[in-house]
C-alpha atoms as a PDB file:
ATOM      1  CA  MET A   1      54.051  61.650 -75.322  1.00  0.00           C
ATOM      2  CA  ASN A   2      54.795  64.667 -73.150  1.00  0.00           C
ATOM      3  CA  TYR A   3      53.333  68.061 -73.969  1.00  0.00           C
ATOM      4  CA  GLU A   4      53.233  71.583 -72.652  1.00  0.00           C
ATOM      5  CA  LEU A   5      50.147  73.741 -73.030  1.00  0.00           C
ATOM      6  CA  MET A   6      50.242  77.494 -72.547  1.00  0.00           C
ATOM      7  CA  VAL A   7      46.898  79.269 -72.416  1.00  0.00           C
ATOM      8  CA  ILE A   8      46.246  83.007 -72.191  1.00  0.00           C
ATOM      9  CA  PHE A   9      42.838  83.747 -70.722  1.00  0.00           C
ATOM     10  CA  THR A  10      41.047  87.090 -70.922  1.00  0.00           C
ATOM     11  CA  PRO A  11      42.158  89.456 -68.097  1.00  0.00           C
ATOM     12  CA  VAL A  12      38.559  90.195 -66.997  1.00  0.00           C
ATOM     13  CA  LEU A  13      38.221  86.781 -65.301  1.00  0.00           C
ATOM     14  CA  SER A  14      37.691  86.800 -61.552  1.00  0.00           C
ATOM     15  CA  GLU A  15      40.016  84.677 -59.414  1.00  0.00           C
ATOM     16  CA  GLU A  16      37.305  81.996 -59.116  1.00  0.00           C
ATOM     17  CA  ASP A  17      36.700  81.941 -62.877  1.00  0.00           C
ATOM     18  CA  TYR A  18      40.456  81.705 -63.512  1.00  0.00           C
ATOM     19  CA  LYS A  19      40.733  78.732 -61.130  1.00  0.00           C
ATOM     20  CA  ALA A  20      37.645  77.106 -62.699  1.00  0.00           C
ATOM     21  CA  ALA A  21      39.164  77.506 -66.186  1.00  0.00           C
ATOM     22  CA  GLN A  22      42.434  75.906 -64.988  1.00  0.00           C
ATOM     23  CA  LYS A  23      40.496  73.004 -63.495  1.00  0.00           C
ATOM     24  CA  LYS A  24      38.392  72.627 -66.644  1.00  0.00           C
ATOM     25  CA  PHE A  25      41.405  72.002 -68.900  1.00  0.00           C
ATOM     26  CA  ALA A  26      43.281  69.887 -66.328  1.00  0.00           C
ATOM     27  CA  ASP A  27      40.148  67.727 -65.907  1.00  0.00           C
ATOM     28  CA  LEU A  28      39.713  67.469 -69.686  1.00  0.00           C
ATOM     29  CA  ILE A  29      43.230  66.032 -69.941  1.00  0.00           C
ATOM     30  CA  LYS A  30      42.629  63.585 -67.061  1.00  0.00           C
ATOM     31  CA  ASP A  31      39.208  62.483 -68.354  1.00  0.00           C
ATOM     32  CA  ASN A  32      40.677  61.572 -71.741  1.00  0.00           C
ATOM     33  CA  GLY A  33      43.493  59.333 -70.517  1.00  0.00           C
ATOM     34  CA  GLY A  34      46.144  61.963 -69.918  1.00  0.00           C
ATOM     35  CA  GLU A  35      48.056  62.902 -66.791  1.00  0.00           C
ATOM     36  CA  VAL A  36      48.938  66.438 -65.698  1.00  0.00           C
ATOM     37  CA  THR A  37      52.535  66.335 -64.464  1.00  0.00           C
ATOM     38  CA  HIS A  38      52.888  70.020 -63.560  1.00  0.00           C
ATOM     39  CA  GLU A  39      50.544  72.988 -63.329  1.00  0.00           C
ATOM     40  CA  ASN A  40      51.910  76.529 -63.249  1.00  0.00           C
ATOM     41  CA  PRO A  41      49.391  79.394 -63.146  1.00  0.00           C
ATOM     42  CA  TRP A  42      51.389  82.551 -63.906  1.00  0.00           C
ATOM     43  CA  GLY A  43      48.491  84.895 -63.242  1.00  0.00           C
ATOM     44  CA  LEU A  44      48.138  88.307 -64.844  1.00  0.00           C
ATOM     45  CA  ARG A  45      50.941  89.312 -67.241  1.00  0.00           C
ATOM     46  CA  SER A  46      51.394  91.991 -69.875  1.00  0.00           C
ATOM     47  CA  LEU A  47      51.063  90.923 -73.502  1.00  0.00           C
ATOM     48  CA  ALA A  48      53.702  91.766 -76.099  1.00  0.00           C
ATOM     49  CA  TYR A  49      50.948  93.176 -78.334  1.00  0.00           C
ATOM     50  CA  PRO A  50      47.216  93.773 -77.854  1.00  0.00           C
ATOM     51  CA  ILE A  51      44.903  90.797 -78.477  1.00  0.00           C
ATOM     52  CA  GLN A  52      41.211  91.644 -78.891  1.00  0.00           C
ATOM     53  CA  LYS A  53      42.043  95.167 -77.609  1.00  0.00           C
ATOM     54  CA  LYS A  54      43.435  93.718 -74.354  1.00  0.00           C
ATOM     55  CA  THR A  55      46.998  94.435 -73.193  1.00  0.00           C
ATOM     56  CA  THR A  56      47.134  91.880 -70.351  1.00  0.00           C
ATOM     57  CA  GLY A  57      46.159  88.236 -69.963  1.00  0.00           C
ATOM     58  CA  MET A  58      45.907  85.494 -67.336  1.00  0.00           C
ATOM     59  CA  TYR A  59      48.526  82.857 -68.165  1.00  0.00           C
ATOM     60  CA  LEU A  60      48.437  79.135 -67.412  1.00  0.00           C
ATOM     61  CA  VAL A  61      51.143  76.589 -68.248  1.00  0.00           C
ATOM     62  CA  LEU A  62      50.291  72.876 -68.015  1.00  0.00           C
ATOM     63  CA  GLU A  63      52.745  70.036 -68.531  1.00  0.00           C
ATOM     64  CA  TYR A  64      51.064  66.739 -69.286  1.00  0.00           C
ATOM     65  CA  SER A  65      51.530  63.329 -70.817  1.00  0.00           C
ATOM     66  CA  ALA A  66      48.758  62.003 -73.015  1.00  0.00           C
ATOM     67  CA  PRO A  67      47.916  59.990 -76.112  1.00  0.00           C
ATOM     68  CA  SER A  68      48.280  62.182 -79.213  1.00  0.00           C
ATOM     69  CA  ASP A  69      44.564  62.048 -80.129  1.00  0.00           C
ATOM     70  CA  LEU A  70      43.791  64.012 -76.950  1.00  0.00           C
ATOM     71  CA  ASN A  71      45.376  67.158 -78.397  1.00  0.00           C
ATOM     72  CA  GLU A  72      42.677  67.432 -81.069  1.00  0.00           C
ATOM     73  CA  LYS A  73      39.914  67.260 -78.429  1.00  0.00           C
ATOM     74  CA  LEU A  74      41.769  69.787 -76.313  1.00  0.00           C
ATOM     75  CA  LYS A  75      42.220  72.137 -79.272  1.00  0.00           C
ATOM     76  CA  ILE A  76      38.475  72.054 -80.029  1.00  0.00           C
ATOM     77  CA  GLN A  77      37.641  72.977 -76.419  1.00  0.00           C
ATOM     78  CA  LEU A  78      40.248  75.762 -76.376  1.00  0.00           C
ATOM     79  CA  ASN A  79      38.862  77.235 -79.599  1.00  0.00           C
ATOM     80  CA  ARG A  80      35.282  77.072 -78.272  1.00  0.00           C
ATOM     81  CA  ASP A  81      36.073  78.787 -74.975  1.00  0.00           C
ATOM     82  CA  GLU A  82      35.480  82.540 -75.315  1.00  0.00           C
ATOM     83  CA  ASN A  83      37.748  83.227 -72.296  1.00  0.00           C
ATOM     84  CA  VAL A  84      40.802  81.905 -74.178  1.00  0.00           C
ATOM     85  CA  LEU A  85      42.687  84.617 -76.081  1.00  0.00           C
ATOM     86  CA  ARG A  86      45.536  82.385 -77.310  1.00  0.00           C
ATOM     87  CA  HIS A  87      46.893  78.897 -76.738  1.00  0.00           C
ATOM     88  CA  MET A  88      49.952  76.951 -77.789  1.00  0.00           C
ATOM     89  CA  MET A  89      50.718  73.245 -77.483  1.00  0.00           C
ATOM     90  CA  THR A  90      54.303  72.047 -77.629  1.00  0.00           C
ATOM     91  CA  ALA A  91      55.545  68.470 -77.769  1.00  0.00           C
ATOM     92  CA  LEU A  92      58.365  67.964 -75.260  1.00  0.00           C
ATOM     93  CA  ASP A  93      61.231  65.562 -75.919  1.00  0.00           C
ATOM     94  CA  LYS A  94      62.938  63.769 -73.019  1.00  0.00           C
ATOM     95  CA  TYR A  95      65.559  66.512 -72.722  1.00  0.00           C
ATOM     96  CA  ALA A  96      62.926  69.225 -72.329  1.00  0.00           C
ATOM     97  CA  VAL A  97      61.185  67.182 -69.629  1.00  0.00           C
ATOM     98  CA  GLN A  98      64.499  66.727 -67.767  1.00  0.00           C
ATOM     99  CA  TYR A  99      65.287  70.449 -68.131  1.00  0.00           C
ATOM    100  CA  ASN A 100      61.881  71.448 -66.721  1.00  0.00           C
ATOM    101  CA  ASN A 101      62.273  69.047 -63.783  1.00  0.00           C
ATOM    102  CA  ARG A 102      65.736  70.401 -62.957  1.00  0.00           C
ATOM    103  CA  LYS A 103      64.504  73.981 -63.233  1.00  0.00           C
ATOM    104  CA  ARG A 104      61.535  73.262 -60.934  1.00  0.00           C
ATOM    105  CA  ASN A 105      63.741  71.604 -58.336  1.00  0.00           C
ATOM    106  CA  GLY A 106      65.983  74.653 -58.068  1.00  0.00           C
ATOM    107  CA  VAL A 107      68.952  73.092 -59.826  1.00  0.00           C
ATOM    108  CA  ASN A 108      70.620  75.497 -62.246  1.00  0.00           C
ATOM    109  CA  ALA A 109      69.302  74.057 -65.507  1.00  0.00           C
ATOM    110  CA  ASP A 110      72.207  75.364 -67.587  1.00  0.00           C
ATOM    111  CA  SER A 111      75.143  74.196 -65.487  1.00  0.00           C
ATOM    112  CA  LYS A 112      76.707  70.852 -66.245  1.00  0.00           C
ATOM    113  CA  THR A 113      79.297  70.965 -63.459  1.00  0.00           C
ATOM    114  CA  VAL A 114      79.118  72.046 -59.842  1.00  0.00           C
ATOM    115  CA  GLU A 115      81.684  74.513 -58.547  1.00  0.00           C
ATOM    116  CA  ALA A 116      83.580  73.452 -55.428  1.00  0.00           C
END
C-alpha cells in the first residue's frame, strides 16, 4: 500500500534536530519493511491556528509504501515524540500516486491534453 505522512514538528528545532527527526521517521519506515518513495521537507510554515501556543511549525511530507501494520508502529512513535505537534497519515490510491509523480516531474497535473 502507498501512504503519505505529513508531520508538523515544533518550530524551536534547530536545523540539525529537524534533519535528525526526518531521518528518524524515514529510517523507522525502512527498518520495518517499508520504502520511502519521496521525501519533501517544507521547512518552517505558518499554522492556520495556534497549536500548543505556537503559530509556526516545521513541516515534513513523506511518501512511502509499506505493509499496513507499519502504520500502527509509526503512529506510536509519532505520539511519543514530544517534537511532533501534529501528524496525518493518508492512504494513496494509484491515481494519487500518479498525480504526485506528474506534479513532481513538472508536468501540469491537471491538464489532460497538451496545447500545440
